[in-house]
Amino acid sequence: MNEPVLDIRDLAVDLGGREVLSEVDLQLRPGELVGLIGPNGAGKTTLLRTALGLIPSRRGTVSVHGRAAKQAQGMVGYVPQRHEFAWDFPISVAKAVATGRTHLTGLLGRRTQEDRAAADEAITRVGMDDLRTRPVGELSGGQRQRVLVARALALRPRLLLLDEPFTGIDAPTQELLSGLLTELRDEGVAVLLTTHDLAAATTLCSRLCLLNRTVVADGEPAALADTDIWLRTFGLDRAEQLLRSLGVIS
């Protein structure tokens, strides 16, 4: 079997003096599309940011393509939640997407023909060719999400991390992104996304990783029908709601 693109072992992370993640083990291999599922405060965003090398761990290891996370930032595409981007900054779609190459070019580096080609290719893949000169502040929520995805794809990454990519977007954008993520998976990219949309996750993802400060369960959606798994992840009320949406209980 292929070596993991993302390899997390015995990870523990503290924030503000509080343990946020503990004993987390998670591996992603080329061509896997994995949904990271858990309640608010479960540590999902912290796990992504630790995998990016942005948050230090107290214990454990995180490697990307065999390198420490901090040394592999130029190899990982990251789509943050939309509120984390400065949409009021006076910049066009094309220039915003080009900033996805900053890890490779540096803040003041001259962009090469390859940099421009990668950004153009990413804009095309998210269906934004006709809006490349539009200021990002004038975009709709779905268009902004496409820009963030294109910005991550401009790196041509082999690992793509997405934080709530389907939240608050229109149906056409959700359909486009779902199709794009499936294409990337088929191209051998390893994709890890957090989402609260369980129906979309079970349709789109080959694996689900249920997280509540630690990995509660990890497997194919059909293999996660045990009610106790969802109770330990979400608590009684929310678990029942999710299991009904999956048709596990009536």
Protein backbone atom coordinates (compact mmCIF):
# COMPACT_ATOMS: atom_id res chain seq x y z
CA MET A 1 0.00 0.00 0.00
CA ASN A 2 1.13 3.56 -0.70
CA GLU A 3 2.92 5.39 2.09
CA PRO A 4 0.78 7.98 3.92
CA VAL A 5 0.79 11.51 2.56
CA LEU A 6 -0.31 12.69 6.02
CA ASP A 7 0.84 10.68 9.03
CA ILE A 8 -0.30 11.76 12.51
CA ARG A 9 0.80 9.65 15.48
CA ASP A 10 -0.13 10.00 19.16
CA LEU A 11 -0.82 13.71 18.74
CA ALA A 12 -1.58 15.88 21.77
CA VAL A 13 -2.19 19.62 21.50
CA ASP A 14 -2.81 22.22 24.22
CA LEU A 15 -4.30 25.66 23.63
CA GLY A 16 -4.54 28.26 26.39
CA GLY A 17 -3.45 25.74 28.98
CA ARG A 18 -6.24 23.32 28.00
CA GLU A 19 -5.86 19.98 26.26
CA VAL A 20 -7.63 20.21 22.90
CA LEU A 21 -6.39 17.01 21.26
CA SER A 22 -5.11 13.81 22.82
CA GLU A 23 -3.76 10.52 21.42
CA VAL A 24 -4.82 11.32 17.86
CA ASP A 25 -3.75 8.86 15.18
CA LEU A 26 -4.73 9.53 11.57
CA GLN A 27 -3.20 8.58 8.23
CA LEU A 28 -4.19 9.67 4.71
CA ARG A 29 -2.87 7.98 1.61
CA PRO A 30 -2.89 9.16 -1.99
CA GLY A 31 -6.38 9.16 -3.48
CA GLU A 32 -8.25 9.12 -0.15
CA LEU A 33 -11.06 11.59 0.54
CA VAL A 34 -11.74 11.63 4.28
CA GLY A 35 -14.37 13.54 6.22
CA LEU A 36 -13.40 14.78 9.68
CA ILE A 37 -16.64 14.82 11.68
CA GLY A 38 -17.29 16.04 15.21
CA PRO A 39 -19.16 18.56 17.35
CA ASN A 40 -18.14 22.18 17.83
CA GLY A 41 -15.07 22.32 20.05
CA ALA A 42 -13.96 18.80 19.11
CA GLY A 43 -10.59 20.03 17.81
CA LYS A 44 -11.18 19.65 14.07
CA THR A 45 -9.76 23.03 13.02
CA THR A 46 -6.91 22.63 15.52
CA LEU A 47 -6.05 19.30 13.92
CA LEU A 48 -5.89 20.86 10.46
CA ARG A 49 -3.79 23.78 11.64
CA THR A 50 -1.42 21.44 13.47
CA ALA A 51 -1.07 19.37 10.30
CA LEU A 52 -0.09 22.63 8.57
CA GLY A 53 2.62 23.30 11.14
CA LEU A 54 0.83 26.42 12.42
CA ILE A 55 0.17 25.06 15.93
CA PRO A 56 2.83 23.18 17.94
CA SER A 57 2.05 19.84 19.51
CA ARG A 58 2.76 18.86 23.09
CA ARG A 59 3.37 15.25 22.12
CA GLY A 60 3.37 13.10 19.04
CA THR A 61 4.41 13.56 15.44
CA VAL A 62 2.91 15.00 12.27
CA SER A 63 4.58 14.33 8.94
CA VAL A 64 3.64 15.26 5.37
CA HIS A 65 5.37 13.36 2.59
CA GLY A 66 7.80 12.17 5.26
CA ARG A 67 8.70 15.70 6.39
CA ALA A 68 7.83 17.51 9.60
CA ALA A 69 4.66 19.56 9.09
CA LYS A 70 6.42 22.92 9.44
CA GLN A 71 8.89 21.99 6.71
CA ALA A 72 6.14 20.86 4.32
CA GLN A 73 3.91 23.96 4.26
CA GLY A 74 4.65 24.59 0.59
CA MET A 75 3.29 21.12 -0.24
CA VAL A 76 -0.13 21.40 1.40
CA GLY A 77 -3.18 23.20 0.03
CA TYR A 78 -5.36 24.71 2.77
CA VAL A 79 -8.89 26.10 2.48
CA PRO A 80 -9.74 27.98 5.70
CA GLN A 81 -13.21 29.01 6.77
CA ARG A 82 -14.31 32.03 4.74
CA HIS A 83 -14.26 34.50 7.65
CA GLU A 84 -10.51 33.97 8.00
CA PHE A 85 -9.75 35.73 4.69
CA ALA A 86 -9.56 39.55 4.39
CA TRP A 87 -12.31 40.05 1.81
CA ASP A 88 -12.17 43.85 2.13
CA PHE A 89 -8.58 43.91 0.87
CA PRO A 90 -8.48 45.59 -2.59
CA ILE A 91 -7.36 42.60 -4.66
CA SER A 92 -8.75 40.81 -7.72
CA VAL A 93 -9.71 37.15 -7.96
CA ALA A 94 -6.60 36.41 -10.03
CA LYS A 95 -4.27 38.09 -7.54
CA ALA A 96 -5.95 36.43 -4.56
CA VAL A 97 -5.50 33.01 -6.16
CA ALA A 98 -1.87 33.80 -6.99
CA THR A 99 -1.16 34.34 -3.28
CA GLY A 100 -1.58 30.59 -2.91
CA ARG A 101 1.93 30.27 -4.37
CA THR A 102 3.50 32.52 -1.71
CA HIS A 103 5.04 29.57 0.15
CA LEU A 104 7.00 28.84 -3.03
CA THR A 105 7.76 32.36 -4.29
CA GLY A 106 8.08 34.28 -1.00
CA LEU A 107 6.18 37.49 -0.29
CA LEU A 108 8.31 39.58 -2.64
CA GLY A 109 9.41 36.86 -5.04
CA ARG A 110 8.97 37.25 -8.78
CA ARG A 111 6.30 34.94 -10.14
CA THR A 112 7.44 32.57 -12.85
CA GLN A 113 5.56 31.28 -15.86
CA GLU A 114 4.85 28.11 -13.84
CA ASP A 115 3.35 30.19 -11.01
CA ARG A 116 1.06 32.01 -13.44
CA ALA A 117 0.08 28.78 -15.18
CA ALA A 118 -0.75 27.07 -11.87
CA ALA A 119 -2.93 29.99 -10.76
CA ASP A 120 -4.71 30.14 -14.13
CA GLU A 121 -5.34 26.40 -14.04
CA ALA A 122 -6.80 26.66 -10.53
CA ILE A 123 -9.13 29.52 -11.53
CA THR A 124 -10.40 27.46 -14.45
CA ARG A 125 -11.00 24.38 -12.29
CA VAL A 126 -13.33 26.30 -9.99
CA GLY A 127 -15.22 27.94 -12.86
CA MET A 128 -14.08 31.53 -12.21
CA ASP A 129 -12.48 32.42 -15.57
CA ASP A 130 -15.02 35.15 -16.29
CA LEU A 131 -14.49 36.75 -12.87
CA ARG A 132 -10.69 36.77 -12.65
CA THR A 133 -10.52 40.61 -12.65
CA ARG A 134 -13.41 41.06 -10.18
CA PRO A 135 -12.46 42.50 -6.75
CA VAL A 136 -12.90 39.77 -4.15
CA GLY A 137 -15.01 42.10 -1.99
CA GLU A 138 -17.73 42.05 -4.65
CA LEU A 139 -18.11 38.26 -4.73
CA SER A 140 -20.98 36.18 -3.37
CA GLY A 141 -20.43 33.61 -0.64
CA GLY A 142 -20.21 30.74 -3.12
CA GLN A 143 -17.80 32.65 -5.34
CA ARG A 144 -15.61 33.46 -2.37
CA GLN A 145 -15.45 29.79 -1.48
CA ARG A 146 -14.34 29.00 -5.02
CA VAL A 147 -11.56 31.57 -4.72
CA LEU A 148 -10.28 29.96 -1.51
CA VAL A 149 -10.29 26.52 -3.13
CA ALA A 150 -8.49 27.86 -6.21
CA ARG A 151 -5.94 29.58 -3.98
CA ALA A 152 -5.17 26.22 -2.35
CA LEU A 153 -5.05 24.40 -5.69
CA ALA A 154 -2.57 26.93 -7.09
CA LEU A 155 0.09 25.05 -5.11
CA ARG A 156 -0.74 21.90 -7.07
CA PRO A 157 -0.73 20.06 -3.72
CA ARG A 158 -0.73 16.33 -3.10
CA LEU A 159 -2.49 16.97 0.23
CA LEU A 160 -5.53 19.25 0.45
CA LEU A 161 -7.07 20.31 3.78
CA LEU A 162 -10.47 22.04 3.82
CA ASP A 163 -12.23 23.54 6.85
CA GLU A 164 -16.03 23.54 6.44
CA PRO A 165 -15.99 24.04 2.65
CA PHE A 166 -19.76 23.49 2.26
CA THR A 167 -20.99 25.90 4.93
CA GLY A 168 -23.21 28.70 3.64
CA ILE A 169 -22.71 28.12 -0.08
CA ASP A 170 -25.27 27.81 -2.88
CA ALA A 171 -26.23 24.48 -4.43
CA PRO A 172 -24.31 25.01 -7.72
CA THR A 173 -21.10 25.75 -5.82
CA GLN A 174 -21.61 22.72 -3.58
CA GLU A 175 -22.11 20.54 -6.66
CA LEU A 176 -19.03 22.01 -8.35
CA LEU A 177 -16.83 21.53 -5.27
CA SER A 178 -18.07 17.97 -4.72
CA GLY A 179 -17.22 17.10 -8.31
CA LEU A 180 -13.84 18.82 -8.06
CA LEU A 181 -12.91 16.99 -4.86
CA THR A 182 -13.86 13.69 -6.49
CA GLU A 183 -11.63 14.56 -9.48
CA LEU A 184 -8.73 15.41 -7.17
CA ARG A 185 -9.18 12.13 -5.32
CA ASP A 186 -9.10 10.26 -8.62
CA GLU A 187 -5.91 12.13 -9.53
CA GLY A 188 -4.23 10.79 -6.39
CA VAL A 189 -4.56 13.84 -4.15
CA ALA A 190 -5.20 13.07 -0.48
CA VAL A 191 -8.13 15.19 0.77
CA LEU A 192 -9.18 15.82 4.37
CA LEU A 193 -12.20 18.02 5.02
CA THR A 194 -14.16 19.03 8.09
CA THR A 195 -17.90 19.40 7.71
CA HIS A 196 -21.14 19.48 9.66
CA ASP A 197 -23.01 18.24 6.58
CA LEU A 198 -23.10 14.54 7.36
CA ALA A 199 -25.28 13.66 4.38
CA ALA A 200 -22.76 15.25 2.00
CA ALA A 201 -19.85 13.63 3.82
CA THR A 202 -21.28 10.11 3.62
CA THR A 203 -21.98 10.55 -0.10
CA LEU A 204 -18.65 12.15 -0.96
CA CYS A 205 -16.09 10.61 1.40
CA SER A 206 -14.63 7.13 1.28
CA ARG A 207 -13.84 7.35 5.01
CA LEU A 208 -15.17 9.22 7.99
CA CYS A 209 -13.01 10.05 11.01
CA LEU A 210 -15.15 10.85 14.05
CA LEU A 211 -13.28 13.22 16.35
CA ASN A 212 -13.99 14.52 19.82
CA ARG A 213 -10.55 15.56 21.12
CA THR A 214 -9.42 12.08 20.14
CA VAL A 215 -10.36 9.75 17.30
CA VAL A 216 -13.50 7.92 18.37
CA ALA A 217 -13.88 5.91 15.16
CA ASP A 218 -12.39 5.81 11.67
CA GLY A 219 -13.78 3.83 8.76
CA GLU A 220 -16.09 3.64 5.78
CA PRO A 221 -19.47 5.33 6.40
CA ALA A 222 -21.35 2.03 6.17
CA ALA A 223 -19.13 0.55 8.89
CA LEU A 224 -20.00 3.29 11.41
CA ALA A 225 -23.56 2.23 12.24
CA ASP A 226 -22.86 1.50 15.91
CA THR A 227 -24.98 3.92 17.95
CA ASP A 228 -22.40 4.00 20.75
CA ILE A 229 -19.80 5.51 18.41
CA TRP A 230 -22.05 8.48 17.68
CA LEU A 231 -23.05 8.85 21.32
CA ARG A 232 -19.41 9.09 22.35
CA THR A 233 -18.73 11.62 19.61
CA PHE A 234 -21.77 13.89 19.82
CA GLY A 235 -23.76 13.11 22.96
CA LEU A 236 -27.31 11.77 23.12
CA ASP A 237 -29.49 14.41 21.41
CA ARG A 238 -27.20 15.20 18.49
CA ALA A 239 -26.28 11.54 17.94
CA GLU A 240 -29.93 10.54 17.58
CA GLN A 241 -30.52 13.31 15.06
CA LEU A 242 -27.51 12.27 12.96
CA LEU A 243 -28.36 8.57 13.06
CA ARG A 244 -31.90 9.33 11.87
CA SER A 245 -30.49 11.40 8.97
CA LEU A 246 -28.41 8.36 7.98
CA GLY A 247 -31.37 5.99 8.30
CA VAL A 248 -29.60 3.97 10.99
CA ILE A 249 -32.48 4.50 13.42
CA SER A 250 -36.06 5.59 12.75
